[in-house]
Structures are given as C-alpha cells and as structure tokens.
C-alpha cells in the first residue's frame, strides 16, 4: 500500500519564527507605548516583515496544494490497489469454488466399463505402471480408440445392411412381378386345362367303348365254334383248358 512521506521543509519557512518574534515584540511595544509620545516604527522594518509574511504565505499555499495533490494521488492509488485486492479475492474465491466443484465432480470414467487391467497391460506393453493417473488416462485413451474402431465397423455394417436391404427390395419387386405374371399364366392356362381334360374324357370314353365292342365280338365267336384241341374261350376272351368227356 502506498505511503505518504512528509513534505520537505521550504527554505522560506525558516524565516517565519524570527519574523513572528519580531512582529510580536513590535506589537507589544506598540500596545504598551503612548502613540502620542512614542515615535512610529521604521517603515522599512514593517515592509520587510510584511514581505516575509507574504513570501511565507505563498510558500505555504504552494505546499498545501502539493500536499493535497499528493494526498489525492495517494487516495487514487489506494482505491486502485483496493479494487485490485477485491478482484484478486474474487478470483481466489472463484478458483476455490471451481476446485471444489472439480473435486466433487462425478466423472463418467468411474462408471465406464473398461478393459480389465491385466488384459490391458498384456496388450499394451508400454503402459505406465507407477502413476495411477497416467495409467487411467492410457486405459481411457485405449477404450476410446477401441470404441471408435468398433463404431466405424458398426457404421460400415449398417451401410452394408442398407445396401443389401435396397438390393433385396429390388429383388422382391422382381419376384412380385414374376408372381403376378405366373398368376396371369395360370389363369390363362385354365381353358387349356379344361380342353385337355375334355379331350382326355372323350378319349377314355372312346377307348372304353372300343374295348366293350371287342369283348362282345369275341364272346359271340367263342359260343358259336368250339376249339379243336378241347379248349374254349370264356366271356373275358381268355381260353381255358377243358378235359374231354
């Protein structure tokens, strides 16, 4: 804190005690003497004393202004240092609050599932051993790099999945189009199927009538003429051996 040193003594003030003593003695002498009988004091002496008083008055006025200016500057400096001290105290309290908040902060790294320490040390030979803080930072950096790698892999698989989904969507559209064409083909084949079934039924009826006609003719021939070797035809057209009676 700035201090105010006492002002240096003015050389004019050294004459003040003697001048005051002379003036005091002169005033006493004038007060005790009879003005009608005593001669007045010399004018030169009074003028000298008056000049001394004026000179001392001017010097005291200058010194007073200098003291006021120095006092004002001292007050200004004191206020500035007081404000600086208040600023530093406020900054100190702010930093203490931030430090306390940081100490009380529940960081997410305490709940992040990290790779087991033994596996981490086995896969990272250059991991710090002595400093637990550096070891934790190394584990967190390794976990971050692994998660970034896995996230990039996940995004690549998602892009591949989206491409496959798009391809499957196109294939599904093609299959749906083919399915519609097949349905149209099946519907168009129904008349052909009916015609073929009708033709098959006609053929089956014609063949059945043909077999029935052949069977009746053979039956008539078998009943009219016996076989020479002792066999005859039965109703179904087969020959049976018959012993001669």
C-alpha atoms as a PDB file:
ATOM      1  CA  UNK A   1       0.000   0.000   0.000  1.00  0.00           C
ATOM      2  CA  UNK A   2       1.444   3.424  -0.911  1.00  0.00           C
ATOM      3  CA  UNK A   3       2.548   5.688   1.973  1.00  0.00           C
ATOM      4  CA  UNK A   4       2.745   9.448   2.062  1.00  0.00           C
ATOM      5  CA  UNK A   5       6.140  10.844   3.073  1.00  0.00           C
ATOM      6  CA  UNK A   6       6.241  14.173   4.897  1.00  0.00           C
ATOM      7  CA  UNK A   7       6.876  17.172   2.608  1.00  0.00           C
ATOM      8  CA  UNK A   8      10.300  18.766   2.528  1.00  0.00           C
ATOM      9  CA  UNK A   9      10.634  21.951   4.539  1.00  0.00           C
ATOM     10  CA  UNK A  10      10.543  25.142   2.488  1.00  0.00           C
ATOM     11  CA  UNK A  11      13.542  27.494   2.883  1.00  0.00           C
ATOM     12  CA  UNK A  12      11.132  30.390   3.332  1.00  0.00           C
ATOM     13  CA  UNK A  13       9.599  28.843   6.425  1.00  0.00           C
ATOM     14  CA  UNK A  14      12.901  29.063   8.279  1.00  0.00           C
ATOM     15  CA  UNK A  15      12.462  32.828   8.468  1.00  0.00           C
ATOM     16  CA  UNK A  16       8.990  32.551   9.919  1.00  0.00           C
ATOM     17  CA  UNK A  17       9.880  32.105  13.644  1.00  0.00           C
ATOM     18  CA  UNK A  18      12.190  35.133  13.663  1.00  0.00           C
ATOM     19  CA  UNK A  19       9.684  37.215  11.777  1.00  0.00           C
ATOM     20  CA  UNK A  20       6.882  36.233  14.114  1.00  0.00           C
ATOM     21  CA  UNK A  21       9.026  37.027  17.155  1.00  0.00           C
ATOM     22  CA  UNK A  22       9.902  40.451  15.795  1.00  0.00           C
ATOM     23  CA  UNK A  23       6.298  41.202  14.918  1.00  0.00           C
ATOM     24  CA  UNK A  24       5.105  40.026  18.322  1.00  0.00           C
ATOM     25  CA  UNK A  25       7.654  42.214  20.106  1.00  0.00           C
ATOM     26  CA  UNK A  26       6.730  45.145  17.906  1.00  0.00           C
ATOM     27  CA  UNK A  27       3.036  44.706  18.585  1.00  0.00           C
ATOM     28  CA  UNK A  28       3.687  44.501  22.349  1.00  0.00           C
ATOM     29  CA  UNK A  29       5.783  47.627  22.249  1.00  0.00           C
ATOM     30  CA  UNK A  30       3.148  49.477  20.273  1.00  0.00           C
ATOM     31  CA  UNK A  31       0.431  48.352  22.626  1.00  0.00           C
ATOM     32  CA  UNK A  32       2.366  49.438  25.765  1.00  0.00           C
ATOM     33  CA  UNK A  33       3.657  52.783  24.414  1.00  0.00           C
ATOM     34  CA  UNK A  34       1.797  56.024  24.044  1.00  0.00           C
ATOM     35  CA  UNK A  35       1.199  56.747  20.382  1.00  0.00           C
ATOM     36  CA  UNK A  36       1.331  60.469  21.025  1.00  0.00           C
ATOM     37  CA  UNK A  37       4.743  60.460  22.561  1.00  0.00           C
ATOM     38  CA  UNK A  38       6.425  57.352  21.042  1.00  0.00           C
ATOM     39  CA  UNK A  39       7.824  57.573  17.531  1.00  0.00           C
ATOM     40  CA  UNK A  40       6.295  55.153  14.949  1.00  0.00           C
ATOM     41  CA  UNK A  41       8.305  52.069  13.976  1.00  0.00           C
ATOM     42  CA  UNK A  42      10.523  52.381  10.926  1.00  0.00           C
ATOM     43  CA  UNK A  43       8.656  51.783   7.626  1.00  0.00           C
ATOM     44  CA  UNK A  44      11.462  49.700   6.174  1.00  0.00           C
ATOM     45  CA  UNK A  45      11.238  47.223   9.056  1.00  0.00           C
ATOM     46  CA  UNK A  46       7.457  46.907   8.620  1.00  0.00           C
ATOM     47  CA  UNK A  47       7.811  46.460   4.873  1.00  0.00           C
ATOM     48  CA  UNK A  48      10.439  43.735   5.387  1.00  0.00           C
ATOM     49  CA  UNK A  49       8.243  41.902   7.861  1.00  0.00           C
ATOM     50  CA  UNK A  50       5.228  42.196   5.524  1.00  0.00           C
ATOM     51  CA  UNK A  51       7.227  40.841   2.583  1.00  0.00           C
ATOM     52  CA  UNK A  52       8.366  37.945   4.717  1.00  0.00           C
ATOM     53  CA  UNK A  53       4.793  37.134   5.689  1.00  0.00           C
ATOM     54  CA  UNK A  54       3.619  37.283   2.063  1.00  0.00           C
ATOM     55  CA  UNK A  55       6.501  35.045   0.976  1.00  0.00           C
ATOM     56  CA  UNK A  56       5.733  32.538   3.713  1.00  0.00           C
ATOM     57  CA  UNK A  57       2.024  32.655   2.810  1.00  0.00           C
ATOM     58  CA  UNK A  58       2.750  31.928  -0.831  1.00  0.00           C
ATOM     59  CA  UNK A  59       5.094  29.096   0.113  1.00  0.00           C
ATOM     60  CA  UNK A  60       2.518  27.629   2.482  1.00  0.00           C
ATOM     61  CA  UNK A  61      -0.158  27.842  -0.237  1.00  0.00           C
ATOM     62  CA  UNK A  62       2.106  26.025  -2.695  1.00  0.00           C
ATOM     63  CA  UNK A  63       2.942  23.379  -0.119  1.00  0.00           C
ATOM     64  CA  UNK A  64      -0.749  22.991   0.721  1.00  0.00           C
ATOM     65  CA  UNK A  65      -1.627  22.428  -2.949  1.00  0.00           C
ATOM     66  CA  UNK A  66       1.246  19.979  -3.300  1.00  0.00           C
ATOM     67  CA  UNK A  67       0.099  18.106  -0.206  1.00  0.00           C
ATOM     68  CA  UNK A  68      -3.484  17.991  -1.469  1.00  0.00           C
ATOM     69  CA  UNK A  69      -2.333  16.705  -4.875  1.00  0.00           C
ATOM     70  CA  UNK A  70      -0.168  14.075  -3.242  1.00  0.00           C
ATOM     71  CA  UNK A  71      -2.996  13.117  -0.889  1.00  0.00           C
ATOM     72  CA  UNK A  72      -5.403  12.857  -3.867  1.00  0.00           C
ATOM     73  CA  UNK A  73      -2.895  10.714  -5.766  1.00  0.00           C
ATOM     74  CA  UNK A  74      -2.410   8.578  -2.681  1.00  0.00           C
ATOM     75  CA  UNK A  75      -6.183   8.128  -2.326  1.00  0.00           C
ATOM     76  CA  UNK A  76      -6.403   7.203  -6.029  1.00  0.00           C
ATOM     77  CA  UNK A  77      -3.581   4.685  -5.687  1.00  0.00           C
ATOM     78  CA  UNK A  78      -5.145   3.282  -2.517  1.00  0.00           C
ATOM     79  CA  UNK A  79      -8.512   2.875  -4.231  1.00  0.00           C
ATOM     80  CA  UNK A  80      -6.843   1.207  -7.230  1.00  0.00           C
ATOM     81  CA  UNK A  81      -4.960  -1.212  -5.001  1.00  0.00           C
ATOM     82  CA  UNK A  82      -8.147  -1.870  -3.014  1.00  0.00           C
ATOM     83  CA  UNK A  83     -10.019  -2.684  -6.218  1.00  0.00           C
ATOM     84  CA  UNK A  84      -7.155  -4.918  -7.343  1.00  0.00           C
ATOM     85  CA  UNK A  85      -7.223  -6.674  -3.994  1.00  0.00           C
ATOM     86  CA  UNK A  86     -11.003  -7.167  -4.296  1.00  0.00           C
ATOM     87  CA  UNK A  87     -10.539  -8.547  -7.797  1.00  0.00           C
ATOM     88  CA  UNK A  88      -7.885 -10.956  -6.583  1.00  0.00           C
ATOM     89  CA  UNK A  89     -10.077 -12.041  -3.680  1.00  0.00           C
ATOM     90  CA  UNK A  90     -12.999 -12.622  -6.030  1.00  0.00           C
ATOM     91  CA  UNK A  91     -10.769 -14.587  -8.406  1.00  0.00           C
ATOM     92  CA  UNK A  92      -9.449 -16.578  -5.467  1.00  0.00           C
ATOM     93  CA  UNK A  93     -12.976 -17.453  -4.302  1.00  0.00           C
ATOM     94  CA  UNK A  94     -13.940 -18.362  -7.865  1.00  0.00           C
ATOM     95  CA  UNK A  95     -10.919 -20.626  -8.239  1.00  0.00           C
ATOM     96  CA  UNK A  96     -11.606 -22.254  -4.867  1.00  0.00           C
ATOM     97  CA  UNK A  97     -15.203 -22.910  -5.913  1.00  0.00           C
ATOM     98  CA  UNK A  98     -14.036 -24.376  -9.235  1.00  0.00           C
ATOM     99  CA  UNK A  99     -11.501 -26.576  -7.452  1.00  0.00           C
ATOM    100  CA  UNK A 100     -14.175 -27.800  -5.030  1.00  0.00           C
ATOM    101  CA  UNK A 101     -16.579 -28.418  -7.928  1.00  0.00           C
ATOM    102  CA  UNK A 102     -13.914 -30.366  -9.801  1.00  0.00           C
ATOM    103  CA  UNK A 103     -13.166 -32.451  -6.725  1.00  0.00           C
ATOM    104  CA  UNK A 104     -16.869 -33.193  -6.228  1.00  0.00           C
ATOM    105  CA  UNK A 105     -17.493 -33.865  -9.933  1.00  0.00           C
ATOM    106  CA  UNK A 106     -18.643 -37.422 -10.550  1.00  0.00           C
ATOM    107  CA  UNK A 107     -16.837 -38.185 -13.786  1.00  0.00           C
ATOM    108  CA  UNK A 108     -18.283 -40.707 -16.192  1.00  0.00           C
ATOM    109  CA  UNK A 109     -14.965 -42.563 -16.385  1.00  0.00           C
ATOM    110  CA  UNK A 110     -15.707 -44.119 -13.000  1.00  0.00           C
ATOM    111  CA  UNK A 111     -18.722 -45.913 -14.496  1.00  0.00           C
ATOM    112  CA  UNK A 112     -17.306 -46.645 -17.963  1.00  0.00           C
ATOM    113  CA  UNK A 113     -16.718 -50.382 -18.453  1.00  0.00           C
ATOM    114  CA  UNK A 114     -13.021 -50.576 -19.266  1.00  0.00           C
ATOM    115  CA  UNK A 115     -10.880 -53.457 -20.404  1.00  0.00           C
ATOM    116  CA  UNK A 116      -9.583 -55.464 -17.415  1.00  0.00           C
ATOM    117  CA  UNK A 117      -6.259 -54.175 -16.147  1.00  0.00           C
ATOM    118  CA  UNK A 118      -4.407 -57.449 -16.730  1.00  0.00           C
ATOM    119  CA  UNK A 119      -5.604 -57.672 -20.333  1.00  0.00           C
ATOM    120  CA  UNK A 120      -4.757 -54.010 -20.893  1.00  0.00           C
ATOM    121  CA  UNK A 121      -1.221 -54.454 -19.608  1.00  0.00           C
ATOM    122  CA  UNK A 122      -0.813 -57.620 -21.664  1.00  0.00           C
ATOM    123  CA  UNK A 123      -1.930 -55.870 -24.875  1.00  0.00           C
ATOM    124  CA  UNK A 124      -0.116 -52.579 -24.103  1.00  0.00           C
ATOM    125  CA  UNK A 125       3.457 -53.236 -23.079  1.00  0.00           C
ATOM    126  CA  UNK A 126       4.326 -49.519 -22.856  1.00  0.00           C
ATOM    127  CA  UNK A 127       1.572 -48.673 -20.358  1.00  0.00           C
ATOM    128  CA  UNK A 128       2.732 -46.651 -17.305  1.00  0.00           C
ATOM    129  CA  UNK A 129       2.999 -48.682 -14.137  1.00  0.00           C
ATOM    130  CA  UNK A 130       3.834 -46.264 -11.322  1.00  0.00           C
ATOM    131  CA  UNK A 131       1.476 -43.347 -11.949  1.00  0.00           C
ATOM    132  CA  UNK A 132      -2.132 -44.438 -11.413  1.00  0.00           C
ATOM    133  CA  UNK A 133      -3.434 -41.258 -13.075  1.00  0.00           C
ATOM    134  CA  UNK A 134      -1.402 -41.809 -16.243  1.00  0.00           C
ATOM    135  CA  UNK A 135      -2.427 -45.463 -16.226  1.00  0.00           C
ATOM    136  CA  UNK A 136      -6.107 -44.484 -16.073  1.00  0.00           C
ATOM    137  CA  UNK A 137      -5.599 -41.950 -18.883  1.00  0.00           C
ATOM    138  CA  UNK A 138      -3.918 -44.618 -21.011  1.00  0.00           C
ATOM    139  CA  UNK A 139      -6.800 -47.042 -20.380  1.00  0.00           C
ATOM    140  CA  UNK A 140      -9.337 -44.349 -21.280  1.00  0.00           C
ATOM    141  CA  UNK A 141      -7.454 -43.493 -24.490  1.00  0.00           C
ATOM    142  CA  UNK A 142      -7.301 -47.175 -25.412  1.00  0.00           C
ATOM    143  CA  UNK A 143     -11.026 -47.569 -24.679  1.00  0.00           C
ATOM    144  CA  UNK A 144     -11.780 -44.509 -26.812  1.00  0.00           C
ATOM    145  CA  UNK A 145      -9.752 -45.833 -29.748  1.00  0.00           C
ATOM    146  CA  UNK A 146     -11.419 -49.245 -29.486  1.00  0.00           C
ATOM    147  CA  UNK A 147     -14.893 -47.730 -29.350  1.00  0.00           C
ATOM    148  CA  UNK A 148     -14.117 -45.506 -32.326  1.00  0.00           C
ATOM    149  CA  UNK A 149     -12.908 -48.544 -34.264  1.00  0.00           C
ATOM    150  CA  UNK A 150     -15.989 -50.551 -33.340  1.00  0.00           C
ATOM    151  CA  UNK A 151     -18.245 -47.610 -34.151  1.00  0.00           C
ATOM    152  CA  UNK A 152     -16.642 -47.308 -37.579  1.00  0.00           C
ATOM    153  CA  UNK A 153     -17.174 -51.049 -38.085  1.00  0.00           C
ATOM    154  CA  UNK A 154     -20.806 -50.699 -36.962  1.00  0.00           C
ATOM    155  CA  UNK A 155     -21.384 -47.870 -39.427  1.00  0.00           C
ATOM    156  CA  UNK A 156     -19.806 -49.918 -42.223  1.00  0.00           C
ATOM    157  CA  UNK A 157     -22.047 -52.867 -41.387  1.00  0.00           C
ATOM    158  CA  UNK A 158     -25.072 -50.591 -41.274  1.00  0.00           C
ATOM    159  CA  UNK A 159     -24.173 -49.242 -44.714  1.00  0.00           C
ATOM    160  CA  UNK A 160     -23.748 -52.809 -45.995  1.00  0.00           C
ATOM    161  CA  UNK A 161     -27.080 -53.746 -44.425  1.00  0.00           C
ATOM    162  CA  UNK A 162     -28.761 -50.784 -46.094  1.00  0.00           C
ATOM    163  CA  UNK A 163     -27.250 -51.764 -49.461  1.00  0.00           C
ATOM    164  CA  UNK A 164     -28.444 -55.365 -49.018  1.00  0.00           C
ATOM    165  CA  UNK A 165     -31.881 -54.132 -47.997  1.00  0.00           C
ATOM    166  CA  UNK A 166     -32.021 -51.997 -51.125  1.00  0.00           C
ATOM    167  CA  UNK A 167     -30.939 -54.945 -53.264  1.00  0.00           C
ATOM    168  CA  UNK A 168     -33.484 -57.210 -51.549  1.00  0.00           C
ATOM    169  CA  UNK A 169     -36.125 -54.603 -52.166  1.00  0.00           C
ATOM    170  CA  UNK A 170     -35.352 -54.664 -55.880  1.00  0.00           C
ATOM    171  CA  UNK A 171     -35.310 -58.470 -55.914  1.00  0.00           C
ATOM    172  CA  UNK A 172     -38.612 -58.558 -54.038  1.00  0.00           C
ATOM    173  CA  UNK A 173     -40.139 -56.240 -56.622  1.00  0.00           C
ATOM    174  CA  UNK A 174     -38.886 -58.503 -59.402  1.00  0.00           C
ATOM    175  CA  UNK A 175     -40.272 -61.599 -57.662  1.00  0.00           C
ATOM    176  CA  UNK A 176     -43.608 -59.905 -57.125  1.00  0.00           C
ATOM    177  CA  UNK A 177     -43.713 -59.032 -60.814  1.00  0.00           C
ATOM    178  CA  UNK A 178     -42.857 -62.634 -61.745  1.00  0.00           C
ATOM    179  CA  UNK A 179     -45.511 -63.896 -59.320  1.00  0.00           C
ATOM    180  CA  UNK A 180     -48.094 -61.666 -60.984  1.00  0.00           C
ATOM    181  CA  UNK A 181     -47.031 -62.952 -64.402  1.00  0.00           C
ATOM    182  CA  UNK A 182     -47.287 -66.556 -63.175  1.00  0.00           C
ATOM    183  CA  UNK A 183     -50.755 -65.899 -61.824  1.00  0.00           C
ATOM    184  CA  UNK A 184     -51.756 -64.465 -65.188  1.00  0.00           C
ATOM    185  CA  UNK A 185     -50.202 -67.508 -66.903  1.00  0.00           C
ATOM    186  CA  UNK A 186     -52.092 -69.912 -64.622  1.00  0.00           C
ATOM    187  CA  UNK A 187     -55.338 -68.083 -65.225  1.00  0.00           C
ATOM    188  CA  UNK A 188     -54.703 -68.179 -68.966  1.00  0.00           C
ATOM    189  CA  UNK A 189     -53.948 -71.957 -68.777  1.00  0.00           C
ATOM    190  CA  UNK A 190     -57.287 -72.803 -67.166  1.00  0.00           C
ATOM    191  CA  UNK A 191     -59.157 -73.008 -70.563  1.00  0.00           C
ATOM    192  CA  UNK A 192     -56.357 -75.177 -71.976  1.00  0.00           C
ATOM    193  CA  UNK A 193     -56.574 -77.466 -68.953  1.00  0.00           C
ATOM    194  CA  UNK A 194     -60.336 -77.738 -69.309  1.00  0.00           C
ATOM    195  CA  UNK A 195     -59.980 -78.524 -73.017  1.00  0.00           C
ATOM    196  CA  UNK A 196     -57.326 -81.160 -72.337  1.00  0.00           C
ATOM    197  CA  UNK A 197     -59.491 -82.748 -69.633  1.00  0.00           C
ATOM    198  CA  UNK A 198     -62.401 -82.787 -72.026  1.00  0.00           C
ATOM    199  CA  UNK A 199     -60.248 -84.416 -74.729  1.00  0.00           C
ATOM    200  CA  UNK A 200     -58.967 -86.979 -72.207  1.00  0.00           C
ATOM    201  CA  UNK A 201     -62.505 -87.834 -71.137  1.00  0.00           C
ATOM    202  CA  UNK A 202     -63.504 -88.272 -74.781  1.00  0.00           C
ATOM    203  CA  UNK A 203     -60.523 -90.485 -75.403  1.00  0.00           C
ATOM    204  CA  UNK A 204     -61.274 -92.560 -72.301  1.00  0.00           C
ATOM    205  CA  UNK A 205     -64.919 -92.988 -73.356  1.00  0.00           C
ATOM    206  CA  UNK A 206     -63.898 -93.929 -76.891  1.00  0.00           C
ATOM    207  CA  UNK A 207     -61.380 -96.479 -75.618  1.00  0.00           C
ATOM    208  CA  UNK A 208     -63.923 -97.941 -73.234  1.00  0.00           C
ATOM    209  CA  UNK A 209     -66.487 -98.317 -75.994  1.00  0.00           C
ATOM    210  CA  UNK A 210     -63.836 -99.882 -78.226  1.00  0.00           C
ATOM    211  CA  UNK A 211     -62.898-102.431 -75.534  1.00  0.00           C
ATOM    212  CA  UNK A 212     -66.516-103.247 -74.877  1.00  0.00           C
ATOM    213  CA  UNK A 213     -67.140-103.822 -78.613  1.00  0.00           C
ATOM    214  CA  UNK A 214     -64.148-106.117 -78.974  1.00  0.00           C
ATOM    215  CA  UNK A 215     -65.152-108.106 -75.892  1.00  0.00           C
ATOM    216  CA  UNK A 216     -68.707-108.691 -77.209  1.00  0.00           C
ATOM    217  CA  UNK A 217     -67.414-109.882 -80.595  1.00  0.00           C
ATOM    218  CA  UNK A 218     -65.021-112.367 -79.024  1.00  0.00           C
ATOM    219  CA  UNK A 219     -67.772-113.689 -76.774  1.00  0.00           C
ATOM    220  CA  UNK A 220     -70.036-114.376 -79.721  1.00  0.00           C
ATOM    221  CA  UNK A 221     -67.289-116.172 -81.658  1.00  0.00           C
ATOM    222  CA  UNK A 222     -66.443-118.371 -78.636  1.00  0.00           C
ATOM    223  CA  UNK A 223     -70.007-119.574 -78.105  1.00  0.00           C
ATOM    224  CA  UNK A 224     -70.560-120.433 -81.842  1.00  0.00           C
ATOM    225  CA  UNK A 225     -67.402-122.535 -82.679  1.00  0.00           C
ATOM    226  CA  UNK A 226     -65.578-124.811 -80.147  1.00  0.00           C
ATOM    227  CA  UNK A 227     -61.797-125.015 -80.198  1.00  0.00           C
ATOM    228  CA  UNK A 228     -60.380-128.096 -81.825  1.00  0.00           C
ATOM    229  CA  UNK A 229     -57.892-129.032 -79.095  1.00  0.00           C
ATOM    230  CA  UNK A 230     -60.567-129.206 -76.405  1.00  0.00           C
ATOM    231  CA  UNK A 231     -60.308-125.500 -75.205  1.00  0.00           C
ATOM    232  CA  UNK A 232     -62.911-122.766 -75.471  1.00  0.00           C
ATOM    233  CA  UNK A 233     -62.896-119.013 -74.929  1.00  0.00           C
ATOM    234  CA  UNK A 234     -64.510-117.615 -71.788  1.00  0.00           C
ATOM    235  CA  UNK A 235     -66.505-114.387 -71.567  1.00  0.00           C
ATOM    236  CA  UNK A 236     -63.439-112.269 -70.944  1.00  0.00           C
ATOM    237  CA  UNK A 237     -61.690-113.626 -74.059  1.00  0.00           C
ATOM    238  CA  UNK A 238     -59.234-115.919 -72.270  1.00  0.00           C
ATOM    239  CA  UNK A 239     -59.033-119.651 -73.179  1.00  0.00           C
ATOM    240  CA  UNK A 240     -59.459-122.332 -70.567  1.00  0.00           C
ATOM    241  CA  UNK A 241     -58.345-125.919 -70.925  1.00  0.00           C
ATOM    242  CA  UNK A 242     -61.290-128.337 -70.617  1.00  0.00           C
ATOM    243  CA  UNK A 243     -60.935-132.094 -70.395  1.00  0.00           C
ATOM    244  CA  UNK A 244     -62.823-134.154 -72.991  1.00  0.00           C
ATOM    245  CA  UNK A 245     -65.698-136.011 -71.557  1.00  0.00           C
END
